[in-house]
Every structure is written in C-alpha cells, then in structure tokens.
Amino acid sequence: MAWIIDPDLNDPPDRHTEASGASLAVSVAAFDRAGGIPPVASGEDRALVDALRRIDARIRHDPEINVIVSGRIEGRARDGMADAIRRRMIRQDEFTDTQVEPAHNAFRRLTLRRRVRLAWRSGVVQGTLAAHLSLHPQALAEALSARFFGAAWVELEKCSPVLRREPVRFVDLPAEIVAANRLLAWLASDAVAAD
C-alpha cells in the first residue's frame, strides 16, 4: 500500500519493515548526522532507524538479508527480545507489533503522508490539509518548516490526533488482512483506470 500511495524510491518492493540491529549497515556520515545510537534501554536498533528517517537518510530493507536471532530467554535489556520470547512462551501478546494498524487507518496515514510530503517539497500547502490532520494551520506550517521531511512527519505524528496509532489485536488480524487486500485491489484498479 505504501509503495502505491507514497513510494520511497530508495526502498522498492520486494522489501520488509524489520530493523534488526544485526541487519543494519549505516554509513559513518549518516550515523553521525542522525546523532548515533539513541540512548534507550531497549529497541536501540529501531530507534536508530527512526533517527535515520528523521534526517531523510536513504533506507533500504533488502529481502535478501536474513537475520537469525538468539532464542535466549535471559537477555541484557529489559523489555528486549528475550523478555518478549519468554512472555510469548506463556501466552501470545494481545496486540501485534506497533507498526501494524487497521488497514483503513494505514490508508489514511499514507494518503496524508503523501500530501504532507508534496507540501513540504513544494512549500505550497492545500487549504484543507491542516483540517484533514485536525491541526491549526500554524502548527502545520511550523512542522513543514523542518529541514528534513522525516522530521516534519515525526512532528505531525506527535501532534495530529488523526495520526494517532491504533493497535491491532492478534484476533483481529485476519479481518485486517482482508480489509488491506480489498484496499490494495481497489488501489490497483484505480491506478489502472488512471492510466
């Protein structure tokens, strides 16, 4: 859906969305511009990728790279991979990964991200964009003044109630997959009609 609505030419299909530290390769220049590894208790790999996104670093999720992680249940970081494995050995988590959201929310987020990206690049903001983000136009203008699109988008995700993420429960995942496939089929037919 992201490739159709708001494509990132640096990260074409086939791709994945993982940010496992063992699979990351970062140039020294990008690492330094992003501020290095963020000082977090766990999830530093995702936090680093998020920091790279904020500076519009080129990120490629190559499906040819495979990472095998340890199955240890005693780890160094609280709330890290080992804690998740140990917890899930007893009972599956209620909610999926935080990247997953209801299909229609993902569609709305991607559509708004595309519009925000166009406004950031051009410096021209459609009058309805602030309203669609449920923001005051001044808040949108301030976010769009960021040097990097990634930084502008992160700021908008923080302050726009429309962009607040809604988690998906594992029991609801099959229905969300059906909804996502319907949206993809509609997007594909709409793209064909536009040609």
C-alpha atoms as a PDB file:
ATOM      1  CA  MET A   1       0.000   0.000   0.000  1.00  0.00           C
ATOM      2  CA  ALA A   2       2.846   2.382   0.865  1.00  0.00           C
ATOM      3  CA  TRP A   3       4.529   1.758  -2.493  1.00  0.00           C
ATOM      4  CA  ILE A   4       1.334   2.624  -4.386  1.00  0.00           C
ATOM      5  CA  ILE A   5       0.319   5.680  -2.343  1.00  0.00           C
ATOM      6  CA  ASP A   6       3.586   7.255  -1.185  1.00  0.00           C
ATOM      7  CA  PRO A   7       6.509   5.364  -2.739  1.00  0.00           C
ATOM      8  CA  ASP A   8      10.046   5.592  -1.403  1.00  0.00           C
ATOM      9  CA  LEU A   9      12.269   5.099  -4.451  1.00  0.00           C
ATOM     10  CA  ASN A  10      15.165   4.075  -2.177  1.00  0.00           C
ATOM     11  CA  ASP A  11      13.139   1.172  -0.757  1.00  0.00           C
ATOM     12  CA  PRO A  12      11.290  -0.505  -3.633  1.00  0.00           C
ATOM     13  CA  PRO A  13       9.431  -3.826  -3.446  1.00  0.00           C
ATOM     14  CA  ASP A  14      10.321  -6.522  -2.578  1.00  0.00           C
ATOM     15  CA  ARG A  15      11.083  -5.291   0.912  1.00  0.00           C
ATOM     16  CA  HIS A  16      10.306  -5.828   4.566  1.00  0.00           C
ATOM     17  CA  THR A  17       9.977  -3.464   7.528  1.00  0.00           C
ATOM     18  CA  GLU A  18      12.356  -5.030  10.036  1.00  0.00           C
ATOM     19  CA  ALA A  19      15.015  -3.006  11.822  1.00  0.00           C
ATOM     20  CA  SER A  20      17.045  -5.734  13.492  1.00  0.00           C
ATOM     21  CA  GLY A  21      20.410  -4.432  14.654  1.00  0.00           C
ATOM     22  CA  ALA A  22      22.204  -7.420  13.154  1.00  0.00           C
ATOM     23  CA  SER A  23      20.981  -6.476   9.677  1.00  0.00           C
ATOM     24  CA  LEU A  24      21.828  -2.763   9.770  1.00  0.00           C
ATOM     25  CA  ALA A  25      24.600  -1.186   7.740  1.00  0.00           C
ATOM     26  CA  VAL A  26      24.946   2.582   8.107  1.00  0.00           C
ATOM     27  CA  SER A  27      27.469   4.976   6.612  1.00  0.00           C
ATOM     28  CA  VAL A  28      29.542   6.949   9.102  1.00  0.00           C
ATOM     29  CA  ALA A  29      28.176  10.201   7.662  1.00  0.00           C
ATOM     30  CA  ALA A  30      24.526   9.157   8.111  1.00  0.00           C
ATOM     31  CA  PHE A  31      25.259   7.705  11.554  1.00  0.00           C
ATOM     32  CA  ASP A  32      26.832  10.997  12.666  1.00  0.00           C
ATOM     33  CA  ARG A  33      24.059  13.158  11.142  1.00  0.00           C
ATOM     34  CA  ALA A  34      21.434  11.036  12.923  1.00  0.00           C
ATOM     35  CA  GLY A  35      23.191  11.515  16.245  1.00  0.00           C
ATOM     36  CA  GLY A  36      24.435   7.948  16.670  1.00  0.00           C
ATOM     37  CA  ILE A  37      22.642   5.235  18.578  1.00  0.00           C
ATOM     38  CA  PRO A  38      19.871   6.782  20.670  1.00  0.00           C
ATOM     39  CA  PRO A  39      20.261   6.273  24.440  1.00  0.00           C
ATOM     40  CA  VAL A  40      17.305   3.962  25.054  1.00  0.00           C
ATOM     41  CA  ALA A  41      17.048   0.953  27.371  1.00  0.00           C
ATOM     42  CA  SER A  42      15.939  -1.402  24.585  1.00  0.00           C
ATOM     43  CA  GLY A  43      14.927  -1.155  20.951  1.00  0.00           C
ATOM     44  CA  GLU A  44      18.011   0.840  20.020  1.00  0.00           C
ATOM     45  CA  ASP A  45      18.004  -0.691  16.527  1.00  0.00           C
ATOM     46  CA  ARG A  46      14.516   0.649  15.748  1.00  0.00           C
ATOM     47  CA  ALA A  47      15.370   3.939  17.433  1.00  0.00           C
ATOM     48  CA  LEU A  48      18.435   4.292  15.186  1.00  0.00           C
ATOM     49  CA  VAL A  49      16.370   3.628  12.057  1.00  0.00           C
ATOM     50  CA  ASP A  50      13.802   6.176  13.274  1.00  0.00           C
ATOM     51  CA  ALA A  51      16.612   8.716  13.766  1.00  0.00           C
ATOM     52  CA  LEU A  52      17.847   7.993  10.230  1.00  0.00           C
ATOM     53  CA  ARG A  53      14.323   8.544   8.887  1.00  0.00           C
ATOM     54  CA  ARG A  54      14.157  11.923  10.641  1.00  0.00           C
ATOM     55  CA  ILE A  55      17.173  13.115   8.607  1.00  0.00           C
ATOM     56  CA  ASP A  56      15.821  11.638   5.342  1.00  0.00           C
ATOM     57  CA  ALA A  57      18.613   9.069   5.124  1.00  0.00           C
ATOM     58  CA  ARG A  58      18.198   6.577   2.301  1.00  0.00           C
ATOM     59  CA  ILE A  59      16.932   3.344   3.869  1.00  0.00           C
ATOM     60  CA  ARG A  60      16.679   0.042   2.005  1.00  0.00           C
ATOM     61  CA  HIS A  61      15.015  -3.045   3.503  1.00  0.00           C
ATOM     62  CA  ASP A  62      16.675  -5.713   1.390  1.00  0.00           C
ATOM     63  CA  PRO A  63      14.757  -9.018   1.497  1.00  0.00           C
ATOM     64  CA  GLU A  64      17.958 -10.899   0.600  1.00  0.00           C
ATOM     65  CA  ILE A  65      19.363 -10.223   4.084  1.00  0.00           C
ATOM     66  CA  ASN A  66      18.376 -12.837   6.632  1.00  0.00           C
ATOM     67  CA  VAL A  67      18.941 -12.480  10.349  1.00  0.00           C
ATOM     68  CA  ILE A  68      18.733 -15.310  12.827  1.00  0.00           C
ATOM     69  CA  VAL A  69      18.340 -14.143  16.387  1.00  0.00           C
ATOM     70  CA  SER A  70      19.179 -15.995  19.548  1.00  0.00           C
ATOM     71  CA  GLY A  71      16.333 -17.866  21.215  1.00  0.00           C
ATOM     72  CA  ARG A  72      17.612 -16.911  24.658  1.00  0.00           C
ATOM     73  CA  ILE A  73      15.068 -16.031  27.306  1.00  0.00           C
ATOM     74  CA  GLU A  74      17.528 -14.214  29.576  1.00  0.00           C
ATOM     75  CA  GLY A  75      18.736 -11.038  27.923  1.00  0.00           C
ATOM     76  CA  ARG A  76      20.623  -7.842  28.717  1.00  0.00           C
ATOM     77  CA  ALA A  77      17.833  -5.328  28.043  1.00  0.00           C
ATOM     78  CA  ARG A  78      14.613  -5.067  29.985  1.00  0.00           C
ATOM     79  CA  ASP A  79      11.652  -5.388  27.577  1.00  0.00           C
ATOM     80  CA  GLY A  80      14.022  -6.618  24.872  1.00  0.00           C
ATOM     81  CA  MET A  81      13.795  -9.654  22.580  1.00  0.00           C
ATOM     82  CA  ALA A  82      14.483 -12.185  25.374  1.00  0.00           C
ATOM     83  CA  ASP A  83      11.661 -10.791  27.508  1.00  0.00           C
ATOM     84  CA  ALA A  84       9.298 -10.940  24.519  1.00  0.00           C
ATOM     85  CA  ILE A  85      10.209 -14.568  23.771  1.00  0.00           C
ATOM     86  CA  ARG A  86       9.808 -15.579  27.419  1.00  0.00           C
ATOM     87  CA  ARG A  87       6.447 -13.800  27.668  1.00  0.00           C
ATOM     88  CA  ARG A  88       5.178 -15.311  24.429  1.00  0.00           C
ATOM     89  CA  MET A  89       6.163 -18.824  25.531  1.00  0.00           C
ATOM     90  CA  ILE A  90       3.473 -18.486  28.182  1.00  0.00           C
ATOM     91  CA  ARG A  91       0.848 -16.548  26.221  1.00  0.00           C
ATOM     92  CA  GLN A  92       0.692 -14.681  22.919  1.00  0.00           C
ATOM     93  CA  ASP A  93       0.615 -10.919  23.216  1.00  0.00           C
ATOM     94  CA  GLU A  94      -2.833  -9.376  22.811  1.00  0.00           C
ATOM     95  CA  PHE A  95      -1.623  -6.814  20.272  1.00  0.00           C
ATOM     96  CA  THR A  96       0.525  -7.091  17.180  1.00  0.00           C
ATOM     97  CA  ASP A  97       3.678  -5.082  16.581  1.00  0.00           C
ATOM     98  CA  THR A  98       3.309  -1.319  16.962  1.00  0.00           C
ATOM     99  CA  GLN A  99       3.916  -0.846  13.221  1.00  0.00           C
ATOM    100  CA  VAL A 100       0.645  -2.639  12.445  1.00  0.00           C
ATOM    101  CA  GLU A 101      -2.520  -0.571  12.364  1.00  0.00           C
ATOM    102  CA  PRO A 102      -6.032  -1.077  10.993  1.00  0.00           C
ATOM    103  CA  ALA A 103      -5.990  -1.159   7.178  1.00  0.00           C
ATOM    104  CA  HIS A 104      -8.164   1.931   6.749  1.00  0.00           C
ATOM    105  CA  ASN A 105      -6.000   3.868   9.209  1.00  0.00           C
ATOM    106  CA  ALA A 106      -2.897   2.853   7.258  1.00  0.00           C
ATOM    107  CA  PHE A 107      -4.560   4.017   4.042  1.00  0.00           C
ATOM    108  CA  ARG A 108      -5.427   7.389   5.628  1.00  0.00           C
ATOM    109  CA  ARG A 109      -1.921   7.770   7.125  1.00  0.00           C
ATOM    110  CA  LEU A 110      -0.225   7.015   3.783  1.00  0.00           C
ATOM    111  CA  THR A 111      -2.528   9.353   1.872  1.00  0.00           C
ATOM    112  CA  LEU A 112      -1.886  12.158   4.350  1.00  0.00           C
ATOM    113  CA  ARG A 113       1.865  11.443   4.338  1.00  0.00           C
ATOM    114  CA  ARG A 114       1.901  11.780   0.562  1.00  0.00           C
ATOM    115  CA  ARG A 115       0.065  15.119   0.766  1.00  0.00           C
ATOM    116  CA  VAL A 116       2.366  16.363   3.521  1.00  0.00           C
ATOM    117  CA  ARG A 117       5.449  15.281   1.531  1.00  0.00           C
ATOM    118  CA  LEU A 118       4.202  17.184  -1.528  1.00  0.00           C
ATOM    119  CA  ALA A 119       3.504  20.277   0.600  1.00  0.00           C
ATOM    120  CA  TRP A 120       6.924  20.055   2.266  1.00  0.00           C
ATOM    121  CA  ARG A 121       8.713  19.726  -1.102  1.00  0.00           C
ATOM    122  CA  SER A 122       6.796  22.467  -2.872  1.00  0.00           C
ATOM    123  CA  GLY A 123       6.249  24.848   0.012  1.00  0.00           C
ATOM    124  CA  VAL A 124       2.600  25.012  -1.111  1.00  0.00           C
ATOM    125  CA  VAL A 125       0.002  23.778   1.363  1.00  0.00           C
ATOM    126  CA  GLN A 126      -3.511  22.869   0.270  1.00  0.00           C
ATOM    127  CA  GLY A 127      -6.041  24.716   2.391  1.00  0.00           C
ATOM    128  CA  THR A 128      -7.699  21.515   3.567  1.00  0.00           C
ATOM    129  CA  LEU A 129      -4.541  19.689   4.664  1.00  0.00           C
ATOM    130  CA  ALA A 130      -4.437  21.201   8.168  1.00  0.00           C
ATOM    131  CA  ALA A 131      -8.133  20.403   8.611  1.00  0.00           C
ATOM    132  CA  HIS A 132      -7.626  16.803   7.449  1.00  0.00           C
ATOM    133  CA  LEU A 133      -4.852  16.481  10.030  1.00  0.00           C
ATOM    134  CA  SER A 134      -7.087  18.140  12.671  1.00  0.00           C
ATOM    135  CA  LEU A 135      -4.413  20.763  13.216  1.00  0.00           C
ATOM    136  CA  HIS A 136      -4.290  24.531  13.341  1.00  0.00           C
ATOM    137  CA  PRO A 137      -2.714  25.805  10.087  1.00  0.00           C
ATOM    138  CA  GLN A 138       0.104  27.406  12.102  1.00  0.00           C
ATOM    139  CA  ALA A 139       1.037  24.033  13.644  1.00  0.00           C
ATOM    140  CA  LEU A 140       1.187  22.520  10.154  1.00  0.00           C
ATOM    141  CA  ALA A 141       3.282  25.425   8.863  1.00  0.00           C
ATOM    142  CA  GLU A 142       5.738  25.054  11.746  1.00  0.00           C
ATOM    143  CA  ALA A 143       6.136  21.323  11.121  1.00  0.00           C
ATOM    144  CA  LEU A 144       6.622  21.889   7.391  1.00  0.00           C
ATOM    145  CA  SER A 145       9.434  24.337   8.091  1.00  0.00           C
ATOM    146  CA  ALA A 146      11.652  21.449   9.205  1.00  0.00           C
ATOM    147  CA  ARG A 147      14.842  20.939   7.214  1.00  0.00           C
ATOM    148  CA  PHE A 148      14.022  17.264   6.620  1.00  0.00           C
ATOM    149  CA  PHE A 149      10.696  15.747   5.614  1.00  0.00           C
ATOM    150  CA  GLY A 150      11.234  12.934   8.125  1.00  0.00           C
ATOM    151  CA  ALA A 151      11.480  15.433  10.973  1.00  0.00           C
ATOM    152  CA  ALA A 152       8.341  17.228   9.778  1.00  0.00           C
ATOM    153  CA  TRP A 153       6.426  13.954   9.594  1.00  0.00           C
ATOM    154  CA  VAL A 154       7.507  12.859  13.081  1.00  0.00           C
ATOM    155  CA  GLU A 155       6.326  16.200  14.476  1.00  0.00           C
ATOM    156  CA  LEU A 156       2.958  15.853  12.737  1.00  0.00           C
ATOM    157  CA  GLU A 157       2.541  12.292  14.016  1.00  0.00           C
ATOM    158  CA  LYS A 158       3.093  13.626  17.541  1.00  0.00           C
ATOM    159  CA  CYS A 159       0.559  16.452  17.369  1.00  0.00           C
ATOM    160  CA  SER A 160      -2.161  15.266  14.962  1.00  0.00           C
ATOM    161  CA  PRO A 161      -4.951  13.247  16.590  1.00  0.00           C
ATOM    162  CA  VAL A 162      -5.769  11.828  13.157  1.00  0.00           C
ATOM    163  CA  LEU A 163      -2.311  10.234  13.003  1.00  0.00           C
ATOM    164  CA  ARG A 164      -2.516   8.641  16.457  1.00  0.00           C
ATOM    165  CA  ARG A 165      -1.818   4.944  16.036  1.00  0.00           C
ATOM    166  CA  GLU A 166      -4.499   2.436  16.941  1.00  0.00           C
ATOM    167  CA  PRO A 167      -3.170  -1.014  17.840  1.00  0.00           C
ATOM    168  CA  VAL A 168      -4.441  -4.194  16.222  1.00  0.00           C
ATOM    169  CA  ARG A 169      -5.236  -7.245  18.317  1.00  0.00           C
ATOM    170  CA  PHE A 170      -3.992 -10.586  17.007  1.00  0.00           C
ATOM    171  CA  VAL A 171      -7.583 -11.884  16.913  1.00  0.00           C
ATOM    172  CA  ASP A 172      -8.496  -9.008  14.560  1.00  0.00           C
ATOM    173  CA  LEU A 173      -5.529  -9.525  12.248  1.00  0.00           C
ATOM    174  CA  PRO A 174      -7.286 -11.865   9.742  1.00  0.00           C
ATOM    175  CA  ALA A 175     -10.076  -9.307   9.191  1.00  0.00           C
ATOM    176  CA  GLU A 176      -7.497  -6.507   8.809  1.00  0.00           C
ATOM    177  CA  ILE A 177      -5.621  -8.565   6.214  1.00  0.00           C
ATOM    178  CA  VAL A 178      -8.870  -8.978   4.247  1.00  0.00           C
ATOM    179  CA  ALA A 179      -9.525  -5.224   4.508  1.00  0.00           C
ATOM    180  CA  ALA A 180      -5.957  -4.439   3.403  1.00  0.00           C
ATOM    181  CA  ASN A 181      -6.264  -6.773   0.404  1.00  0.00           C
ATOM    182  CA  ARG A 182      -9.525  -5.064  -0.601  1.00  0.00           C
ATOM    183  CA  LEU A 183      -7.849  -1.668  -0.398  1.00  0.00           C
ATOM    184  CA  LEU A 184      -4.910  -2.956  -2.446  1.00  0.00           C
ATOM    185  CA  ALA A 185      -7.256  -4.329  -5.109  1.00  0.00           C
ATOM    186  CA  TRP A 186      -9.114  -1.005  -5.210  1.00  0.00           C
ATOM    187  CA  LEU A 187      -5.843   0.919  -5.451  1.00  0.00           C
ATOM    188  CA  ALA A 188      -4.639  -1.341  -8.272  1.00  0.00           C
ATOM    189  CA  SER A 189      -7.904  -0.924 -10.203  1.00  0.00           C
ATOM    190  CA  ASP A 190      -7.865   2.842  -9.593  1.00  0.00           C
ATOM    191  CA  ALA A 191      -4.273   3.031 -10.852  1.00  0.00           C
ATOM    192  CA  VAL A 192      -5.226   1.059 -13.969  1.00  0.00           C
ATOM    193  CA  ALA A 193      -8.214   3.356 -14.562  1.00  0.00           C
ATOM    194  CA  ALA A 194      -5.953   6.405 -14.255  1.00  0.00           C
ATOM    195  CA  ASP A 195      -3.585   5.112 -16.982  1.00  0.00           C
END
